[in-house]
Amino acid sequence: MTPTPTTRCRIPNNRRGRSLARTLTLEPLADRIVPAMDPFQEPPILAAVDGVLDVTLTQAVGEAMIGDTPASNVWMYNDQFAPPILQVNPGDTLNVNIVNELEQPTNLHPHGVNTSPLGNGDNVLLNIAPGETFTQSFDIPSFHPEGTYWYHPHRHGFVNDQIGHGLSGMLLIGRGDGGIRELDGLVQNHLILKNTWVVDGEVMIPQDGENHDDQIFTVNGQVNPVLTMKAGEWRVFRSSTRRRTSTPTRKPRTKPVAVPHPRPSASPLHRWRWSTAATVVRPRPRRCTRSWPS
């Protein structure tokens, strides 16, 4: 039998400002959470060239792995549950050729982006019918704030169906961290967070506020991906999600850092909400000495 490890720690006594030495028994983590899955993977990035990004997004229904769960009735861009990240800069033009293979009308909305709603731009009244192909063009103003945004369908009457079945992705304008100078040179990771309700192997749409605990929460299409950081390493996490949710990963010991940017995330690696702010984390080394019985 594998011996149970013990840990010797100094535990603060808040009442008198003292610390007490205690020997703790460590519980195997595998007994409490879903076993760790594959190493964390970054989604592919499609970036603008010479001020223009031309991309085709085909919306279709198919089969996919939702984490480690096979599912049908998954609505995807380009047959990918975690679709490509679209990256442009302020002053660029984003041309998206929408191929609608759904049985519903659709369109595309760059959520949070300050761009024209007229014509074939960010026009939520556009109706791209089933079987139709249509190009939407988004001119990003030169003064647009850098940051992380997301894209999704916004045809009125069908929004919840299409997003809930899987149609959403990340959009970067300039640097995803907002171009904050203090973050220059730090490693940045992109997290596409989704929650999906799979019933008998098929993606379904739950009623508002229901079946929350039964949904599968994924990071870039993965469940419980492992992302390793060194003690003392600083790293920036950029997330894109359609709702406030908890990530399906363990929360490490982290130190949040305030950055001069609006709407910061509430708590690093635990609760997220869409914003253009950066979340910065730095694991702190444990102040414990682990001893194993011989």
Protein backbone atom coordinates (compact mmCIF):
# COMPACT_ATOMS: atom_id res chain seq x y z
CA MET A 1 0.00 0.00 0.00
CA THR A 2 1.27 3.47 -0.86
CA PRO A 3 2.22 5.33 2.34
CA THR A 4 0.16 8.38 3.23
CA PRO A 5 2.32 11.54 3.05
CA THR A 6 2.44 14.01 5.90
CA THR A 7 3.15 17.73 5.82
CA ARG A 8 4.67 19.93 8.53
CA CYS A 9 3.27 23.47 8.29
CA ARG A 10 3.21 26.68 10.29
CA ILE A 11 -0.46 27.62 10.72
CA PRO A 12 -1.20 31.28 11.61
CA ASN A 13 -3.08 32.02 14.80
CA ASN A 14 -4.99 35.17 13.91
CA ARG A 15 -6.07 35.98 17.43
CA ARG A 16 -2.62 36.55 18.89
CA GLY A 17 -0.52 36.94 15.79
CA ARG A 18 1.29 33.66 16.47
CA SER A 19 1.78 30.56 14.38
CA LEU A 20 1.46 26.96 15.50
CA ALA A 21 3.27 23.92 14.18
CA ARG A 22 0.93 21.17 13.01
CA THR A 23 1.39 17.85 11.21
CA LEU A 24 -1.21 17.37 8.48
CA THR A 25 -2.17 14.24 6.58
CA LEU A 26 -2.48 14.83 2.84
CA GLU A 27 -5.51 13.39 1.09
CA PRO A 28 -4.78 12.08 -2.43
CA LEU A 29 -6.23 14.65 -4.85
CA ALA A 30 -7.45 11.89 -7.19
CA ASP A 31 -9.96 10.84 -4.53
CA ARG A 32 -11.71 14.19 -4.68
CA ILE A 33 -11.73 15.50 -8.27
CA VAL A 34 -12.08 14.18 -11.79
CA PRO A 35 -8.70 12.76 -12.83
CA ALA A 36 -6.50 15.24 -14.66
CA MET A 37 -6.92 15.12 -18.41
CA ASP A 38 -4.56 16.06 -21.23
CA PRO A 39 -2.04 18.90 -21.07
CA PHE A 40 -3.52 22.34 -21.71
CA GLN A 41 -3.74 23.20 -25.42
CA GLU A 42 -3.94 26.63 -27.02
CA PRO A 43 -6.56 27.11 -29.78
CA PRO A 44 -5.25 27.97 -33.26
CA ILE A 45 -4.97 31.68 -34.08
CA LEU A 46 -5.87 33.25 -37.44
CA ALA A 47 -4.14 36.63 -37.60
CA ALA A 48 -4.54 39.60 -39.94
CA VAL A 49 -1.94 40.19 -42.64
CA ASP A 50 -1.26 43.72 -43.97
CA GLY A 51 -4.28 45.08 -42.10
CA VAL A 52 -6.82 42.51 -43.34
CA LEU A 53 -8.08 39.19 -42.03
CA ASP A 54 -10.13 37.14 -44.49
CA VAL A 55 -11.65 34.05 -42.92
CA THR A 56 -14.42 31.58 -43.71
CA LEU A 57 -16.58 30.26 -40.88
CA THR A 58 -18.85 27.35 -41.80
CA GLN A 59 -21.66 26.81 -39.31
CA ALA A 60 -22.81 23.22 -39.26
CA VAL A 61 -24.12 20.48 -36.97
CA GLY A 62 -21.94 17.48 -36.28
CA GLU A 63 -20.35 15.20 -33.71
CA ALA A 64 -17.54 16.20 -31.38
CA MET A 65 -15.84 15.39 -28.11
CA ILE A 66 -17.03 17.64 -25.30
CA GLY A 67 -14.04 17.12 -23.07
CA ASP A 68 -13.97 13.33 -22.78
CA THR A 69 -17.68 12.91 -23.68
CA PRO A 70 -18.68 12.06 -27.28
CA ALA A 71 -21.72 14.07 -28.33
CA SER A 72 -23.95 14.61 -31.33
CA ASN A 73 -25.99 17.69 -32.27
CA VAL A 74 -22.96 19.90 -31.67
CA TRP A 75 -23.14 23.20 -33.58
CA MET A 76 -19.66 24.29 -34.62
CA TYR A 77 -17.58 26.71 -36.65
CA ASN A 78 -15.41 24.81 -39.15
CA ASP A 79 -16.12 21.48 -37.40
CA GLN A 80 -14.29 22.68 -34.27
CA PHE A 81 -15.93 22.86 -30.85
CA ALA A 82 -13.17 25.29 -29.80
CA PRO A 83 -12.92 27.31 -33.04
CA PRO A 84 -9.94 29.42 -34.16
CA ILE A 85 -9.10 32.64 -32.37
CA LEU A 86 -9.47 35.61 -34.74
CA GLN A 87 -6.79 38.27 -34.22
CA VAL A 88 -6.81 41.76 -35.72
CA ASN A 89 -5.34 45.13 -34.74
CA PRO A 90 -6.94 48.55 -34.31
CA GLY A 91 -7.41 49.96 -37.81
CA ASP A 92 -7.69 46.53 -39.46
CA THR A 93 -10.59 45.06 -41.43
CA LEU A 94 -12.11 41.71 -40.56
CA ASN A 95 -13.93 39.97 -43.43
CA VAL A 96 -15.85 36.87 -42.38
CA ASN A 97 -17.42 34.65 -45.03
CA ILE A 98 -20.34 32.91 -43.28
CA VAL A 99 -21.43 29.58 -44.76
CA ASN A 100 -24.73 28.66 -43.13
CA GLU A 101 -25.32 24.90 -43.09
CA LEU A 102 -27.77 25.13 -40.19
CA GLU A 103 -31.52 24.78 -40.48
CA GLN A 104 -31.91 28.26 -38.98
CA PRO A 105 -31.06 31.77 -40.17
CA THR A 106 -27.92 33.23 -38.62
CA ASN A 107 -25.35 36.05 -38.70
CA LEU A 108 -22.19 37.05 -36.81
CA HIS A 109 -21.72 39.52 -33.97
CA PRO A 110 -18.29 40.59 -32.59
CA HIS A 111 -19.31 41.01 -28.96
CA GLY A 112 -18.09 44.24 -27.35
CA VAL A 113 -16.43 45.61 -30.50
CA ASN A 114 -17.05 49.25 -31.44
CA THR A 115 -17.80 48.94 -35.14
CA SER A 116 -20.54 50.03 -37.54
CA PRO A 117 -23.93 48.25 -37.33
CA LEU A 118 -24.84 49.26 -40.89
CA GLY A 119 -25.01 47.20 -44.08
CA ASN A 120 -23.02 43.98 -43.93
CA GLY A 121 -21.18 45.02 -40.76
CA ASP A 122 -22.20 44.32 -37.17
CA ASN A 123 -25.85 44.28 -38.18
CA VAL A 124 -27.91 41.99 -35.90
CA LEU A 125 -30.82 42.33 -38.35
CA LEU A 126 -28.90 40.52 -41.09
CA ASN A 127 -30.60 37.30 -42.12
CA ILE A 128 -28.26 34.67 -43.56
CA ALA A 129 -30.72 31.96 -44.55
CA PRO A 130 -30.06 28.20 -44.37
CA GLY A 131 -27.85 27.15 -47.27
CA GLU A 132 -26.75 30.74 -47.94
CA THR A 133 -23.21 32.15 -47.99
CA PHE A 134 -22.67 35.79 -47.02
CA THR A 135 -19.67 37.98 -46.18
CA GLN A 136 -19.75 40.35 -43.22
CA SER A 137 -17.08 43.06 -42.97
CA PHE A 138 -16.03 44.75 -39.76
CA ASP A 139 -13.85 47.87 -39.88
CA ILE A 140 -12.03 48.14 -36.55
CA PRO A 141 -11.44 51.82 -35.64
CA SER A 142 -7.81 52.86 -35.25
CA PHE A 143 -8.60 54.11 -31.73
CA HIS A 144 -10.28 50.87 -30.65
CA PRO A 145 -9.20 49.54 -27.20
CA GLU A 146 -7.00 46.49 -27.35
CA GLY A 147 -8.23 43.43 -25.50
CA THR A 148 -10.07 40.11 -25.61
CA TYR A 149 -13.57 39.89 -27.10
CA TRP A 150 -15.69 37.08 -28.51
CA TYR A 151 -17.81 36.32 -31.56
CA HIS A 152 -21.12 34.50 -31.86
CA PRO A 153 -24.38 34.46 -33.86
CA HIS A 154 -26.90 37.19 -33.09
CA ARG A 155 -29.94 36.49 -35.27
CA HIS A 156 -32.87 37.50 -33.06
CA GLY A 157 -34.98 34.55 -31.96
CA PHE A 158 -32.18 32.02 -32.45
CA VAL A 159 -29.32 33.38 -30.32
CA ASN A 160 -29.69 31.08 -27.31
CA ASP A 161 -30.12 27.97 -29.46
CA GLN A 162 -27.04 28.65 -31.53
CA ILE A 163 -24.69 29.73 -28.74
CA GLY A 164 -25.94 27.03 -26.37
CA HIS A 165 -25.25 24.32 -28.92
CA GLY A 166 -21.64 25.51 -29.24
CA LEU A 167 -21.32 28.47 -31.64
CA SER A 168 -18.90 30.95 -30.07
CA GLY A 169 -15.21 31.83 -30.29
CA MET A 170 -12.55 34.27 -29.15
CA LEU A 171 -11.63 37.55 -30.87
CA LEU A 172 -8.45 39.46 -30.09
CA ILE A 173 -7.93 43.11 -30.97
CA GLY A 174 -4.29 44.00 -30.62
CA ARG A 175 -2.88 42.47 -27.47
CA GLY A 176 -5.32 40.37 -25.51
CA ASP A 177 -4.15 41.91 -22.23
CA GLY A 178 -5.13 45.40 -23.39
CA GLY A 179 -1.56 46.43 -24.20
CA ILE A 180 -0.69 47.06 -20.56
CA ARG A 181 3.01 47.92 -20.37
CA GLU A 182 3.49 46.19 -17.03
CA LEU A 183 2.63 42.89 -18.71
CA ASP A 184 5.23 43.12 -21.48
CA GLY A 185 7.12 39.87 -21.93
CA LEU A 186 4.81 37.70 -19.82
CA VAL A 187 3.51 34.37 -21.15
CA GLN A 188 -0.16 34.70 -22.13
CA ASN A 189 -2.68 31.86 -22.33
CA HIS A 190 -6.08 31.94 -24.00
CA LEU A 191 -9.06 30.20 -22.41
CA ILE A 192 -12.27 29.60 -24.38
CA LEU A 193 -14.73 28.65 -21.62
CA LYS A 194 -17.94 26.84 -22.51
CA ASN A 195 -20.69 25.06 -20.63
CA THR A 196 -22.60 22.34 -22.49
CA TRP A 197 -25.51 20.14 -21.47
CA VAL A 198 -25.20 16.63 -22.92
CA VAL A 199 -28.16 14.28 -22.47
CA ASP A 200 -27.90 10.68 -23.72
CA GLY A 201 -25.03 11.68 -25.98
CA GLU A 202 -26.79 14.71 -27.50
CA VAL A 203 -26.28 18.42 -26.84
CA MET A 204 -29.47 19.98 -25.47
CA ILE A 205 -30.50 23.47 -24.38
CA PRO A 206 -31.47 23.67 -20.69
CA GLN A 207 -34.09 26.06 -19.39
CA ASP A 208 -32.65 29.21 -17.82
CA GLY A 209 -31.23 28.47 -14.40
CA GLU A 210 -31.79 24.72 -14.65
CA ASN A 211 -29.45 21.74 -15.02
CA HIS A 212 -26.47 23.92 -14.16
CA ASP A 213 -24.68 21.17 -12.23
CA ASP A 214 -25.24 18.67 -15.04
CA GLN A 215 -23.44 20.70 -17.68
CA ILE A 216 -19.91 19.98 -18.86
CA PHE A 217 -17.52 22.90 -18.38
CA THR A 218 -14.62 23.00 -20.80
CA VAL A 219 -11.47 25.02 -21.39
CA ASN A 220 -10.60 25.09 -25.10
CA GLY A 221 -12.76 21.99 -25.47
CA GLN A 222 -10.90 20.14 -22.68
CA VAL A 223 -12.06 19.02 -19.24
CA ASN A 224 -9.58 19.53 -16.40
CA PRO A 225 -6.59 20.34 -18.62
CA VAL A 226 -3.26 20.54 -16.83
CA LEU A 227 -1.29 23.78 -17.14
CA THR A 228 2.00 23.74 -15.26
CA MET A 229 3.58 26.89 -13.85
CA LYS A 230 6.79 27.33 -11.91
CA ALA A 231 6.73 28.90 -8.47
CA GLY A 232 7.37 32.62 -8.85
CA GLU A 233 6.43 32.67 -12.55
CA TRP A 234 4.05 35.40 -13.71
CA ARG A 235 1.48 34.59 -16.37
CA VAL A 236 -1.50 36.33 -18.01
CA PHE A 237 -4.78 34.49 -18.65
CA ARG A 238 -7.27 35.79 -21.21
CA SER A 239 -10.72 34.23 -21.16
CA SER A 240 -13.74 34.36 -23.43
CA THR A 241 -17.09 32.99 -22.29
CA ARG A 242 -20.79 33.63 -22.78
CA ARG A 243 -21.66 33.52 -19.09
CA ARG A 244 -20.15 33.81 -15.64
CA THR A 245 -18.91 30.43 -14.54
CA SER A 246 -16.31 28.53 -12.58
CA THR A 247 -13.44 26.98 -14.49
CA PRO A 248 -13.14 23.16 -14.42
CA THR A 249 -9.52 23.34 -13.23
CA ARG A 250 -8.04 23.28 -9.77
CA LYS A 251 -7.43 26.67 -8.21
CA PRO A 252 -3.75 26.98 -7.33
CA ARG A 253 -2.37 29.29 -4.70
CA THR A 254 -2.28 32.55 -6.61
CA LYS A 255 -1.67 36.19 -5.96
CA PRO A 256 -3.98 38.55 -7.91
CA VAL A 257 -2.35 41.63 -9.35
CA ALA A 258 -4.20 44.90 -9.86
CA VAL A 259 -3.62 46.35 -13.32
CA PRO A 260 -4.63 49.81 -14.62
CA HIS A 261 -7.42 48.61 -16.86
CA PRO A 262 -11.23 48.70 -16.55
CA ARG A 263 -13.42 45.81 -15.41
CA PRO A 264 -10.89 43.37 -13.91
CA SER A 265 -11.84 39.73 -13.42
CA ALA A 266 -13.16 38.99 -9.94
CA SER A 267 -10.89 36.12 -8.92
CA PRO A 268 -7.97 34.55 -10.85
CA LEU A 269 -8.54 31.07 -12.25
CA HIS A 270 -11.80 30.64 -10.35
CA ARG A 271 -14.58 32.99 -11.43
CA TRP A 272 -14.55 34.68 -14.80
CA ARG A 273 -16.63 37.21 -16.61
CA TRP A 274 -16.07 38.55 -20.10
CA SER A 275 -14.02 41.73 -20.05
CA THR A 276 -11.07 43.32 -21.78
CA ALA A 277 -9.02 43.29 -18.59
CA ALA A 278 -6.15 40.97 -17.84
CA THR A 279 -5.98 38.44 -15.03
CA VAL A 280 -2.43 37.96 -13.80
CA VAL A 281 -1.42 35.08 -11.56
CA ARG A 282 1.74 33.99 -9.83
CA PRO A 283 1.90 30.71 -7.89
CA ARG A 284 3.52 31.15 -4.49
CA PRO A 285 5.86 28.46 -3.14
CA ARG A 286 4.45 26.44 -0.26
CA ARG A 287 6.02 27.13 3.10
CA CYS A 288 5.82 23.50 4.20
CA THR A 289 8.26 20.64 4.50
CA ARG A 290 6.86 17.36 3.19
CA SER A 291 8.09 14.14 4.79
CA TRP A 292 7.32 10.60 3.65
CA PRO A 293 7.39 7.64 6.03
CA SER A 294 10.05 5.13 5.16
